[in-house]
C-alpha atoms as a PDB file:
ATOM      1  CA  MET A   1       6.134  85.595  -1.244  1.00  0.00           C
ATOM      2  CA  SER A   2       4.930  84.970   2.270  1.00  0.00           C
ATOM      3  CA  MET A   3       2.068  87.336   1.547  1.00  0.00           C
ATOM      4  CA  VAL A   4       0.929  85.206  -1.414  1.00  0.00           C
ATOM      5  CA  PHE A   5       1.299  82.049   0.648  1.00  0.00           C
ATOM      6  CA  THR A   6      -0.826  83.563   3.441  1.00  0.00           C
ATOM      7  CA  VAL A   7      -3.548  84.633   1.014  1.00  0.00           C
ATOM      8  CA  LEU A   8      -3.608  81.217  -0.619  1.00  0.00           C
ATOM      9  CA  TRP A   9      -3.615  79.490   2.756  1.00  0.00           C
ATOM     10  CA  SER A  10      -6.528  81.556   4.027  1.00  0.00           C
ATOM     11  CA  CYS A  11      -8.490  80.977   0.823  1.00  0.00           C
ATOM     12  CA  LYS A  12      -8.283  77.214   1.013  1.00  0.00           C
ATOM     13  CA  LYS A  13     -11.548  75.403   0.548  1.00  0.00           C
ATOM     14  CA  THR A  14     -13.447  74.836   3.701  1.00  0.00           C
ATOM     15  CA  GLU A  15     -15.318  71.626   3.917  1.00  0.00           C
ATOM     16  CA  ALA A  16     -19.000  72.139   3.560  1.00  0.00           C
ATOM     17  CA  VAL A  17     -20.673  71.408   6.798  1.00  0.00           C
ATOM     18  CA  THR A  18     -23.861  69.559   6.172  1.00  0.00           C
ATOM     19  CA  GLU A  19     -26.358  70.165   8.860  1.00  0.00           C
ATOM     20  CA  GLU A  20     -28.798  67.465   9.627  1.00  0.00           C
ATOM     21  CA  PRO A  21     -32.269  68.930   9.382  1.00  0.00           C
ATOM     22  CA  GLU A  22     -33.902  68.759  12.728  1.00  0.00           C
ATOM     23  CA  SER A  23     -36.271  65.896  12.675  1.00  0.00           C
ATOM     24  CA  GLU A  24     -39.619  67.463  13.164  1.00  0.00           C
ATOM     25  CA  VAL A  25     -41.536  65.816  15.932  1.00  0.00           C
ATOM     26  CA  LEU A  26     -45.078  65.347  14.720  1.00  0.00           C
ATOM     27  CA  VAL A  27     -47.698  65.148  17.387  1.00  0.00           C
ATOM     28  CA  PHE A  28     -50.945  63.291  16.922  1.00  0.00           C
ATOM     29  CA  ASN A  29     -53.771  65.397  18.334  1.00  0.00           C
ATOM     30  CA  TYR A  30     -56.254  62.779  19.492  1.00  0.00           C
ATOM     31  CA  GLN A  31     -58.470  65.460  21.025  1.00  0.00           C
ATOM     32  CA  LYS A  32     -59.581  66.543  17.539  1.00  0.00           C
ATOM     33  CA  LEU A  33     -61.029  63.131  16.693  1.00  0.00           C
ATOM     34  CA  PRO A  34     -64.791  63.114  16.172  1.00  0.00           C
ATOM     35  CA  THR A  35     -66.759  61.130  18.695  1.00  0.00           C
ATOM     36  CA  LYS A  36     -67.809  57.646  17.736  1.00  0.00           C
ATOM     37  CA  LEU A  37     -71.351  57.584  16.355  1.00  0.00           C
ATOM     38  CA  THR A  38     -73.769  55.704  18.571  1.00  0.00           C
ATOM     39  CA  LEU A  39     -75.614  52.752  17.120  1.00  0.00           C
ATOM     40  CA  ASN A  40     -79.339  52.619  17.721  1.00  0.00           C
ATOM     41  CA  PRO A  41     -80.662  49.770  19.891  1.00  0.00           C
ATOM     42  CA  GLU A  42     -81.769  47.598  16.957  1.00  0.00           C
ATOM     43  CA  ALA A  43     -78.363  47.839  15.239  1.00  0.00           C
ATOM     44  CA  THR A  44     -76.611  47.246  18.558  1.00  0.00           C
ATOM     45  CA  THR A  45     -78.575  44.019  19.036  1.00  0.00           C
ATOM     46  CA  ILE A  46     -77.491  42.763  15.611  1.00  0.00           C
ATOM     47  CA  VAL A  47     -73.792  43.653  15.987  1.00  0.00           C
ATOM     48  CA  GLU A  48     -73.584  42.000  19.414  1.00  0.00           C
ATOM     49  CA  SER A  49     -73.163  38.659  17.651  1.00  0.00           C
ATOM     50  CA  TRP A  50     -70.908  40.043  14.876  1.00  0.00           C
ATOM     51  CA  GLU A  51     -67.497  39.241  16.352  1.00  0.00           C
ATOM     52  CA  GLU A  52     -65.425  40.895  13.588  1.00  0.00           C
ATOM     53  CA  PHE A  53     -67.279  44.191  13.943  1.00  0.00           C
ATOM     54  CA  LYS A  54     -66.938  44.066  17.725  1.00  0.00           C
ATOM     55  CA  ALA A  55     -63.172  43.536  17.366  1.00  0.00           C
ATOM     56  CA  LEU A  56     -62.933  46.482  14.964  1.00  0.00           C
ATOM     57  CA  THR A  57     -64.875  48.656  17.397  1.00  0.00           C
ATOM     58  CA  ALA A  58     -62.589  47.636  20.271  1.00  0.00           C
ATOM     59  CA  SER A  59     -59.569  48.665  18.181  1.00  0.00           C
ATOM     60  CA  ILE A  60     -61.225  52.003  17.420  1.00  0.00           C
ATOM     61  CA  ASP A  61     -61.595  52.512  21.171  1.00  0.00           C
ATOM     62  CA  VAL A  62     -57.840  51.936  21.545  1.00  0.00           C
ATOM     63  CA  LEU A  63     -57.239  54.599  18.897  1.00  0.00           C
ATOM     64  CA  TYR A  64     -58.886  57.186  21.167  1.00  0.00           C
ATOM     65  CA  ARG A  65     -56.218  56.477  23.790  1.00  0.00           C
ATOM     66  CA  ALA A  66     -53.338  57.153  21.367  1.00  0.00           C
ATOM     67  CA  THR A  67     -51.435  60.289  22.348  1.00  0.00           C
ATOM     68  CA  ASN A  68     -48.525  60.213  19.888  1.00  0.00           C
ATOM     69  CA  ASN A  69     -47.588  58.800  16.495  1.00  0.00           C
ATOM     70  CA  GLU A  70     -46.093  55.645  17.997  1.00  0.00           C
ATOM     71  CA  ASP A  71     -49.371  54.811  19.731  1.00  0.00           C
ATOM     72  CA  LEU A  72     -51.243  55.750  16.570  1.00  0.00           C
ATOM     73  CA  SER A  73     -49.048  53.476  14.453  1.00  0.00           C
ATOM     74  CA  LEU A  74     -49.755  50.485  16.679  1.00  0.00           C
ATOM     75  CA  ALA A  75     -53.475  51.248  16.728  1.00  0.00           C
ATOM     76  CA  ILE A  76     -53.640  51.624  12.938  1.00  0.00           C
ATOM     77  CA  ASP A  77     -51.761  48.351  12.391  1.00  0.00           C
ATOM     78  CA  ASP A  78     -54.278  46.629  14.655  1.00  0.00           C
ATOM     79  CA  LEU A  79     -57.208  48.310  12.889  1.00  0.00           C
ATOM     80  CA  ILE A  80     -55.929  47.199   9.487  1.00  0.00           C
ATOM     81  CA  GLU A  81     -55.792  43.603  10.702  1.00  0.00           C
ATOM     82  CA  LYS A  82     -59.261  43.806  12.278  1.00  0.00           C
ATOM     83  CA  GLU A  83     -60.712  45.328   9.095  1.00  0.00           C
ATOM     84  CA  LYS A  84     -59.197  42.500   7.023  1.00  0.00           C
ATOM     85  CA  LEU A  85     -60.804  39.944   9.361  1.00  0.00           C
ATOM     86  CA  MET A  86     -64.135  41.748   9.064  1.00  0.00           C
ATOM     87  CA  ALA A  87     -63.929  41.811   5.256  1.00  0.00           C
ATOM     88  CA  GLY A  88     -63.211  38.082   5.179  1.00  0.00           C
ATOM     89  CA  GLY A  89     -65.743  37.237   7.854  1.00  0.00           C
ATOM     90  CA  THR A  90     -69.454  36.576   7.804  1.00  0.00           C
ATOM     91  CA  TYR A  91     -71.751  39.582   7.892  1.00  0.00           C
ATOM     92  CA  PRO A  92     -75.110  39.454   9.624  1.00  0.00           C
ATOM     93  CA  GLU A  93     -77.783  38.873   6.968  1.00  0.00           C
ATOM     94  CA  LEU A  94     -79.239  42.355   7.283  1.00  0.00           C
ATOM     95  CA  PHE A  95     -75.801  44.006   6.991  1.00  0.00           C
ATOM     96  CA  ASN A  96     -74.517  41.786   4.195  1.00  0.00           C
ATOM     97  CA  ALA A  97     -75.185  44.592   1.739  1.00  0.00           C
ATOM     98  CA  PHE A  98     -73.293  46.664  -0.786  1.00  0.00           C
ATOM     99  CA  GLN A  99     -73.987  49.815   1.259  1.00  0.00           C
ATOM    100  CA  VAL A 100     -72.111  48.410   4.244  1.00  0.00           C
ATOM    101  CA  LYS A 101     -69.268  46.856   2.279  1.00  0.00           C
ATOM    102  CA  SER A 102     -68.646  50.011   0.241  1.00  0.00           C
ATOM    103  CA  ARG A 103     -68.356  52.098   3.398  1.00  0.00           C
ATOM    104  CA  GLN A 104     -65.996  49.503   4.802  1.00  0.00           C
ATOM    105  CA  GLN A 105     -63.896  49.856   1.637  1.00  0.00           C
ATOM    106  CA  VAL A 106     -63.728  53.636   2.208  1.00  0.00           C
ATOM    107  CA  LEU A 107     -62.657  52.987   5.804  1.00  0.00           C
ATOM    108  CA  ARG A 108     -59.916  50.649   4.537  1.00  0.00           C
ATOM    109  CA  THR A 109     -58.694  53.349   2.152  1.00  0.00           C
ATOM    110  CA  TYR A 110     -58.396  55.883   4.965  1.00  0.00           C
ATOM    111  CA  LEU A 111     -56.675  53.355   7.231  1.00  0.00           C
ATOM    112  CA  TYR A 112     -53.960  52.942   4.614  1.00  0.00           C
ATOM    113  CA  LYS A 113     -53.787  56.706   4.114  1.00  0.00           C
ATOM    114  CA  VAL A 114     -53.078  57.185   7.825  1.00  0.00           C
ATOM    115  CA  LYS A 115     -50.525  54.361   7.728  1.00  0.00           C
ATOM    116  CA  SER A 116     -48.696  55.998   4.804  1.00  0.00           C
ATOM    117  CA  LYS A 117     -48.602  59.359   6.618  1.00  0.00           C
ATOM    118  CA  ILE A 118     -47.088  57.645   9.649  1.00  0.00           C
ATOM    119  CA  LEU A 119     -44.451  55.895   7.539  1.00  0.00           C
ATOM    120  CA  GLU A 120     -43.586  59.145   5.743  1.00  0.00           C
ATOM    121  CA  ASN A 121     -43.401  61.031   9.063  1.00  0.00           C
ATOM    122  CA  GLN A 122     -46.092  63.453   7.943  1.00  0.00           C
ATOM    123  CA  GLU A 123     -48.941  65.078   9.830  1.00  0.00           C
ATOM    124  CA  THR A 124     -51.411  62.403  10.946  1.00  0.00           C
ATOM    125  CA  THR A 125     -54.216  64.227  12.729  1.00  0.00           C
ATOM    126  CA  GLU A 126     -56.222  65.230   9.638  1.00  0.00           C
ATOM    127  CA  PRO A 127     -56.062  61.818   7.904  1.00  0.00           C
ATOM    128  CA  THR A 128     -57.046  60.155  11.177  1.00  0.00           C
ATOM    129  CA  ILE A 129     -60.045  62.461  11.462  1.00  0.00           C
ATOM    130  CA  GLU A 130     -61.032  61.482   7.899  1.00  0.00           C
ATOM    131  CA  MET A 131     -60.638  57.824   8.816  1.00  0.00           C
ATOM    132  CA  MET A 132     -62.892  58.277  11.850  1.00  0.00           C
ATOM    133  CA  GLU A 133     -65.478  60.043   9.692  1.00  0.00           C
ATOM    134  CA  ALA A 134     -65.424  57.014   7.374  1.00  0.00           C
ATOM    135  CA  TYR A 135     -65.895  54.713  10.387  1.00  0.00           C
ATOM    136  CA  ASN A 136     -68.817  56.849  11.557  1.00  0.00           C
ATOM    137  CA  ALA A 137     -70.328  56.667   8.049  1.00  0.00           C
ATOM    138  CA  LEU A 138     -70.193  52.869   8.317  1.00  0.00           C
ATOM    139  CA  ARG A 139     -71.947  52.980  11.683  1.00  0.00           C
ATOM    140  CA  LYS A 140     -74.508  55.466  10.345  1.00  0.00           C
ATOM    141  CA  GLN A 141     -75.247  53.097   7.455  1.00  0.00           C
ATOM    142  CA  LEU A 142     -75.943  50.288   9.932  1.00  0.00           C
ATOM    143  CA  ASN A 143     -78.460  52.576  11.662  1.00  0.00           C
ATOM    144  CA  ILE A 144     -80.053  53.524   8.331  1.00  0.00           C
ATOM    145  CA  ILE A 145     -80.457  49.893   7.286  1.00  0.00           C
ATOM    146  CA  VAL A 146     -82.144  49.002  10.553  1.00  0.00           C
ATOM    147  CA  ASN A 147     -84.394  52.089  10.484  1.00  0.00           C
ATOM    148  CA  SER A 148     -85.576  51.644   6.913  1.00  0.00           C
ATOM    149  CA  GLN A 149     -86.810  48.097   6.852  1.00  0.00           C
ATOM    150  CA  LEU A 150     -89.441  47.818   4.170  1.00  0.00           C
ATOM    151  CA  ASP A 151     -91.782  44.931   3.917  1.00  0.00           C
ATOM    152  CA  LYS A 152     -91.000  43.467   0.492  1.00  0.00           C
ATOM    153  CA  ASN A 153     -94.370  41.740   0.404  1.00  0.00           C
ATOM    154  CA  LEU A 154     -96.119  45.097   0.547  1.00  0.00           C
ATOM    155  CA  ILE A 155     -93.964  46.498  -2.247  1.00  0.00           C
ATOM    156  CA  LEU A 156     -94.235  43.437  -4.458  1.00  0.00           C
ATOM    157  CA  ASP A 157     -97.877  42.805  -3.697  1.00  0.00           C
ATOM    158  CA  GLU A 158     -98.637  40.161  -6.249  1.00  0.00           C
ATOM    159  CA  LYS A 159    -102.152  38.880  -5.851  1.00  0.00           C
END
């Protein structure tokens, strides 16, 4: 009888030990970010008086100093706010164009993509690179607009 009791005692259910999965520390690799595209002198002159764009650019500069996801999260939150101000602000006449606003919309999309990756504790380096490429596309469009000024009077020469 004691043998049966011993076998039953040793076979009792053991409580399942649930192990907490180690929270993976995700590191933001700021060194992989593409460099900020340089504006040509004509575009630079125009954006000097465009306060919303200057604020967005200053926030982008802060992004380059982010070394971890916490820094990145703060920078992205600031960028989202600056982009909203830019969208609601007044564009310089030359840059008040669909080409600029559509690239800004793409930038906004990537800003929210990075923000969602941060909130979901997922890898953030690649989406941040995509966001910076969208920002550079916006800057490139400003250069293109300034470089390709056509004289409408020549095109629509109505004599």
